[in-house]
Amino acid sequence: MKPTRVRDLLALALLAAVITWLLVRTLYGSLPAIPVYAGASLYVAAVIEAILAFVIRSRVGKDEIGEGPGRIHPITVARSVALAKASALVGAASTGVWIGFLVYLLPERAQIRAAVEDTSGAVVGAVAGVALVAAALWLEYCCKAPEDPEDPGEPAA
């Protein structure tokens, strides 16, 4: 499985931002207010994935991956990679959505009072999306299998 490419995540975020901006530009008057905590659930996922990354990284470093007591099963690590890949996509899309809102809201703050109130919720959501992407990429990196050490009797190439 290939690592997640940052450029793919950026492309997804840009696409989501453009689509959101177009929709918000048309429908902003009929949308409900954005609460400050609207994107906060992504912080919880980011923290959980960051903790999982440190646990797996520690276990990989101690060669505690495999079957048996006190070890992490390889399937669990593979599932963690799948979680990381999915979370990176969700985080990128969410970041794009919140950035799309911000692109609309920031210029409108002088004319629309609701835009001032909605901006803080969009900023919290955008930062949460970036945090989730960062945690997901860190988890994916920590799940990599270590390189096989060279045979000490064999000369280095």
C-alpha atoms as a PDB file:
ATOM      1  CA  MET A   1       0.000   0.000   0.000  1.00  0.00           C
ATOM      2  CA  LYS A   2       1.407   3.378  -0.997  1.00  0.00           C
ATOM      3  CA  PRO A   3       1.588   6.245   1.500  1.00  0.00           C
ATOM      4  CA  THR A   4      -0.992   8.986   1.262  1.00  0.00           C
ATOM      5  CA  ARG A   5       0.226  11.799  -0.956  1.00  0.00           C
ATOM      6  CA  VAL A   6      -0.023  15.300   0.430  1.00  0.00           C
ATOM      7  CA  ARG A   7      -0.765  16.696  -3.026  1.00  0.00           C
ATOM      8  CA  ASP A   8      -3.872  14.470  -3.245  1.00  0.00           C
ATOM      9  CA  LEU A   9      -5.044  15.821   0.107  1.00  0.00           C
ATOM     10  CA  LEU A  10      -4.402  19.393  -1.037  1.00  0.00           C
ATOM     11  CA  ALA A  11      -6.335  18.777  -4.246  1.00  0.00           C
ATOM     12  CA  LEU A  12      -9.278  17.378  -2.274  1.00  0.00           C
ATOM     13  CA  ALA A  13      -9.208  20.345   0.109  1.00  0.00           C
ATOM     14  CA  LEU A  14      -9.111  22.796  -2.807  1.00  0.00           C
ATOM     15  CA  LEU A  15     -12.019  21.067  -4.561  1.00  0.00           C
ATOM     16  CA  ALA A  16     -14.078  21.060  -1.356  1.00  0.00           C
ATOM     17  CA  ALA A  17     -13.253  24.730  -0.745  1.00  0.00           C
ATOM     18  CA  VAL A  18     -14.333  25.806  -4.223  1.00  0.00           C
ATOM     19  CA  ILE A  19     -17.584  23.824  -4.121  1.00  0.00           C
ATOM     20  CA  THR A  20     -18.383  25.092  -0.626  1.00  0.00           C
ATOM     21  CA  TRP A  21     -17.638  28.697  -1.561  1.00  0.00           C
ATOM     22  CA  LEU A  22     -19.946  28.445  -4.572  1.00  0.00           C
ATOM     23  CA  LEU A  23     -22.736  26.942  -2.477  1.00  0.00           C
ATOM     24  CA  VAL A  24     -22.316  29.349   0.436  1.00  0.00           C
ATOM     25  CA  ARG A  25     -22.243  32.297  -1.936  1.00  0.00           C
ATOM     26  CA  THR A  26     -25.658  31.259  -3.202  1.00  0.00           C
ATOM     27  CA  LEU A  27     -27.270  29.880  -0.047  1.00  0.00           C
ATOM     28  CA  TYR A  28     -25.712  31.795   2.873  1.00  0.00           C
ATOM     29  CA  GLY A  29     -28.914  33.611   3.813  1.00  0.00           C
ATOM     30  CA  SER A  30     -30.786  30.345   4.294  1.00  0.00           C
ATOM     31  CA  LEU A  31     -28.074  28.507   6.258  1.00  0.00           C
ATOM     32  CA  PRO A  32     -28.229  28.234  10.052  1.00  0.00           C
ATOM     33  CA  ALA A  33     -25.615  29.949  12.199  1.00  0.00           C
ATOM     34  CA  ILE A  34     -22.288  28.149  12.593  1.00  0.00           C
ATOM     35  CA  PRO A  35     -21.674  27.351  16.268  1.00  0.00           C
ATOM     36  CA  VAL A  36     -18.120  27.682  17.550  1.00  0.00           C
ATOM     37  CA  TYR A  37     -17.966  23.955  18.328  1.00  0.00           C
ATOM     38  CA  ALA A  38     -19.189  22.841  14.873  1.00  0.00           C
ATOM     39  CA  GLY A  39     -15.886  21.263  13.821  1.00  0.00           C
ATOM     40  CA  ALA A  40     -14.659  20.367  17.295  1.00  0.00           C
ATOM     41  CA  SER A  41     -15.397  16.642  16.942  1.00  0.00           C
ATOM     42  CA  LEU A  42     -12.442  16.389  14.590  1.00  0.00           C
ATOM     43  CA  TYR A  43     -10.156  17.344  17.495  1.00  0.00           C
ATOM     44  CA  VAL A  44     -11.249  14.228  19.369  1.00  0.00           C
ATOM     45  CA  ALA A  45     -10.424  12.028  16.393  1.00  0.00           C
ATOM     46  CA  ALA A  46      -7.064  13.788  15.952  1.00  0.00           C
ATOM     47  CA  VAL A  47      -6.096  13.242  19.601  1.00  0.00           C
ATOM     48  CA  ILE A  48      -7.109   9.562  19.490  1.00  0.00           C
ATOM     49  CA  GLU A  49      -5.110   8.991  16.309  1.00  0.00           C
ATOM     50  CA  ALA A  50      -2.072  10.800  17.683  1.00  0.00           C
ATOM     51  CA  ILE A  51      -2.122   8.651  20.838  1.00  0.00           C
ATOM     52  CA  LEU A  52      -2.546   5.513  18.727  1.00  0.00           C
ATOM     53  CA  ALA A  53       0.393   6.607  16.590  1.00  0.00           C
ATOM     54  CA  PHE A  54       2.678   6.965  19.600  1.00  0.00           C
ATOM     55  CA  VAL A  55       1.600   3.571  20.974  1.00  0.00           C
ATOM     56  CA  ILE A  56       2.190   1.814  17.658  1.00  0.00           C
ATOM     57  CA  ARG A  57       5.483   3.648  17.103  1.00  0.00           C
ATOM     58  CA  SER A  58       6.685   2.524  20.518  1.00  0.00           C
ATOM     59  CA  ARG A  59       5.663  -1.072  19.883  1.00  0.00           C
ATOM     60  CA  VAL A  60       7.249  -1.149  16.431  1.00  0.00           C
ATOM     61  CA  GLY A  61      10.467   0.226  17.916  1.00  0.00           C
ATOM     62  CA  LYS A  62      10.485  -2.500  20.570  1.00  0.00           C
ATOM     63  CA  ASP A  63       9.618  -5.195  18.006  1.00  0.00           C
ATOM     64  CA  GLU A  64       6.330  -5.932  19.799  1.00  0.00           C
ATOM     65  CA  ILE A  65       4.222  -6.483  16.703  1.00  0.00           C
ATOM     66  CA  GLY A  66       2.915 -10.004  16.228  1.00  0.00           C
ATOM     67  CA  GLU A  67       0.808 -12.580  17.975  1.00  0.00           C
ATOM     68  CA  GLY A  68       1.093 -13.141  21.694  1.00  0.00           C
ATOM     69  CA  PRO A  69       0.482 -11.428  24.994  1.00  0.00           C
ATOM     70  CA  GLY A  70       1.576  -7.813  25.236  1.00  0.00           C
ATOM     71  CA  ARG A  71       1.996  -7.522  21.469  1.00  0.00           C
ATOM     72  CA  ILE A  72      -0.048  -5.683  18.855  1.00  0.00           C
ATOM     73  CA  HIS A  73      -1.478  -7.962  16.212  1.00  0.00           C
ATOM     74  CA  PRO A  74      -0.384  -7.081  12.659  1.00  0.00           C
ATOM     75  CA  ILE A  75      -4.030  -6.845  11.579  1.00  0.00           C
ATOM     76  CA  THR A  76      -4.526  -4.092  14.167  1.00  0.00           C
ATOM     77  CA  VAL A  77      -1.652  -2.153  12.622  1.00  0.00           C
ATOM     78  CA  ALA A  78      -3.108  -2.670   9.136  1.00  0.00           C
ATOM     79  CA  ARG A  79      -6.486  -1.429  10.365  1.00  0.00           C
ATOM     80  CA  SER A  80      -4.761   1.593  11.863  1.00  0.00           C
ATOM     81  CA  VAL A  81      -3.267   2.378   8.459  1.00  0.00           C
ATOM     82  CA  ALA A  82      -6.736   2.151   6.895  1.00  0.00           C
ATOM     83  CA  LEU A  83      -8.086   4.443   9.623  1.00  0.00           C
ATOM     84  CA  ALA A  84      -5.261   6.894   8.995  1.00  0.00           C
ATOM     85  CA  LYS A  85      -5.858   6.971   5.242  1.00  0.00           C
ATOM     86  CA  ALA A  86      -9.600   7.512   5.683  1.00  0.00           C
ATOM     87  CA  SER A  87      -9.083  10.162   8.347  1.00  0.00           C
ATOM     88  CA  ALA A  88      -6.624  12.050   6.164  1.00  0.00           C
ATOM     89  CA  LEU A  89      -9.271  12.253   3.441  1.00  0.00           C
ATOM     90  CA  VAL A  90     -11.991  13.317   5.885  1.00  0.00           C
ATOM     91  CA  GLY A  91      -9.685  15.911   7.411  1.00  0.00           C
ATOM     92  CA  ALA A  92      -8.701  17.311   4.019  1.00  0.00           C
ATOM     93  CA  ALA A  93     -12.318  17.520   2.861  1.00  0.00           C
ATOM     94  CA  SER A  94     -13.385  19.134   6.135  1.00  0.00           C
ATOM     95  CA  THR A  95     -10.556  21.631   5.959  1.00  0.00           C
ATOM     96  CA  GLY A  96     -11.618  22.516   2.433  1.00  0.00           C
ATOM     97  CA  VAL A  97     -15.234  22.992   3.476  1.00  0.00           C
ATOM     98  CA  TRP A  98     -14.298  25.300   6.355  1.00  0.00           C
ATOM     99  CA  ILE A  99     -11.871  27.229   4.160  1.00  0.00           C
ATOM    100  CA  GLY A 100     -14.642  27.630   1.592  1.00  0.00           C
ATOM    101  CA  PHE A 101     -16.794  29.157   4.326  1.00  0.00           C
ATOM    102  CA  LEU A 102     -13.943  31.438   5.403  1.00  0.00           C
ATOM    103  CA  VAL A 103     -13.283  32.630   1.853  1.00  0.00           C
ATOM    104  CA  TYR A 104     -16.893  33.778   1.747  1.00  0.00           C
ATOM    105  CA  LEU A 105     -17.173  35.031   5.332  1.00  0.00           C
ATOM    106  CA  LEU A 106     -14.019  37.125   5.688  1.00  0.00           C
ATOM    107  CA  PRO A 107     -14.829  39.686   2.967  1.00  0.00           C
ATOM    108  CA  GLU A 108     -18.481  39.823   4.095  1.00  0.00           C
ATOM    109  CA  ARG A 109     -17.702  40.668   7.739  1.00  0.00           C
ATOM    110  CA  ALA A 110     -18.049  44.399   7.058  1.00  0.00           C
ATOM    111  CA  GLN A 111     -21.531  44.069   5.540  1.00  0.00           C
ATOM    112  CA  ILE A 112     -23.124  41.031   7.219  1.00  0.00           C
ATOM    113  CA  ARG A 113     -23.273  40.776  11.000  1.00  0.00           C
ATOM    114  CA  ALA A 114     -23.856  37.009  10.872  1.00  0.00           C
ATOM    115  CA  ALA A 115     -20.568  36.617   8.992  1.00  0.00           C
ATOM    116  CA  VAL A 116     -18.711  38.020  11.999  1.00  0.00           C
ATOM    117  CA  GLU A 117     -20.415  35.507  14.300  1.00  0.00           C
ATOM    118  CA  ASP A 118     -19.877  32.557  11.947  1.00  0.00           C
ATOM    119  CA  THR A 119     -16.174  33.214  11.373  1.00  0.00           C
ATOM    120  CA  SER A 120     -15.003  31.800  14.710  1.00  0.00           C
ATOM    121  CA  GLY A 121     -16.812  28.493  14.118  1.00  0.00           C
ATOM    122  CA  ALA A 122     -15.289  28.213  10.648  1.00  0.00           C
ATOM    123  CA  VAL A 123     -11.789  28.898  12.005  1.00  0.00           C
ATOM    124  CA  VAL A 124     -12.206  26.234  14.717  1.00  0.00           C
ATOM    125  CA  GLY A 125     -13.385  23.762  12.074  1.00  0.00           C
ATOM    126  CA  ALA A 126     -10.545  24.540   9.670  1.00  0.00           C
ATOM    127  CA  VAL A 127      -7.904  24.132  12.362  1.00  0.00           C
ATOM    128  CA  ALA A 128      -9.546  20.872  13.479  1.00  0.00           C
ATOM    129  CA  GLY A 129      -9.409  19.562   9.920  1.00  0.00           C
ATOM    130  CA  VAL A 130      -5.708  20.376   9.645  1.00  0.00           C
ATOM    131  CA  ALA A 131      -5.093  18.717  13.039  1.00  0.00           C
ATOM    132  CA  LEU A 132      -6.875  15.566  11.863  1.00  0.00           C
ATOM    133  CA  VAL A 133      -4.835  15.431   8.658  1.00  0.00           C
ATOM    134  CA  ALA A 134      -1.604  15.863  10.618  1.00  0.00           C
ATOM    135  CA  ALA A 135      -2.530  13.159  13.131  1.00  0.00           C
ATOM    136  CA  ALA A 136      -3.622  10.793  10.359  1.00  0.00           C
ATOM    137  CA  LEU A 137      -0.397  11.248   8.405  1.00  0.00           C
ATOM    138  CA  TRP A 138       1.602  10.734  11.615  1.00  0.00           C
ATOM    139  CA  LEU A 139      -0.344   7.526  12.382  1.00  0.00           C
ATOM    140  CA  GLU A 140       0.222   6.255   8.853  1.00  0.00           C
ATOM    141  CA  TYR A 141       3.944   6.976   9.162  1.00  0.00           C
ATOM    142  CA  CYS A 142       4.179   5.241  12.546  1.00  0.00           C
ATOM    143  CA  CYS A 143       2.581   2.093  11.124  1.00  0.00           C
ATOM    144  CA  LYS A 144       5.355   1.566   8.582  1.00  0.00           C
ATOM    145  CA  ALA A 145       7.292  -1.652   8.985  1.00  0.00           C
ATOM    146  CA  PRO A 146      10.887  -1.024   9.962  1.00  0.00           C
ATOM    147  CA  GLU A 147      13.524  -1.644   7.355  1.00  0.00           C
ATOM    148  CA  ASP A 148      15.271  -4.981   7.695  1.00  0.00           C
ATOM    149  CA  PRO A 149      18.681  -4.481   9.267  1.00  0.00           C
ATOM    150  CA  GLU A 150      21.549  -5.446   7.045  1.00  0.00           C
ATOM    151  CA  ASP A 151      23.210  -8.771   7.707  1.00  0.00           C
ATOM    152  CA  PRO A 152      26.326  -7.945   9.797  1.00  0.00           C
ATOM    153  CA  GLY A 153      28.365 -10.527   7.894  1.00  0.00           C
ATOM    154  CA  GLU A 154      27.454  -8.982   4.545  1.00  0.00           C
ATOM    155  CA  PRO A 155      29.335  -5.919   3.245  1.00  0.00           C
ATOM    156  CA  ALA A 156      27.271  -2.777   2.758  1.00  0.00           C
ATOM    157  CA  ALA A 157      26.343  -2.024  -0.845  1.00  0.00           C
END
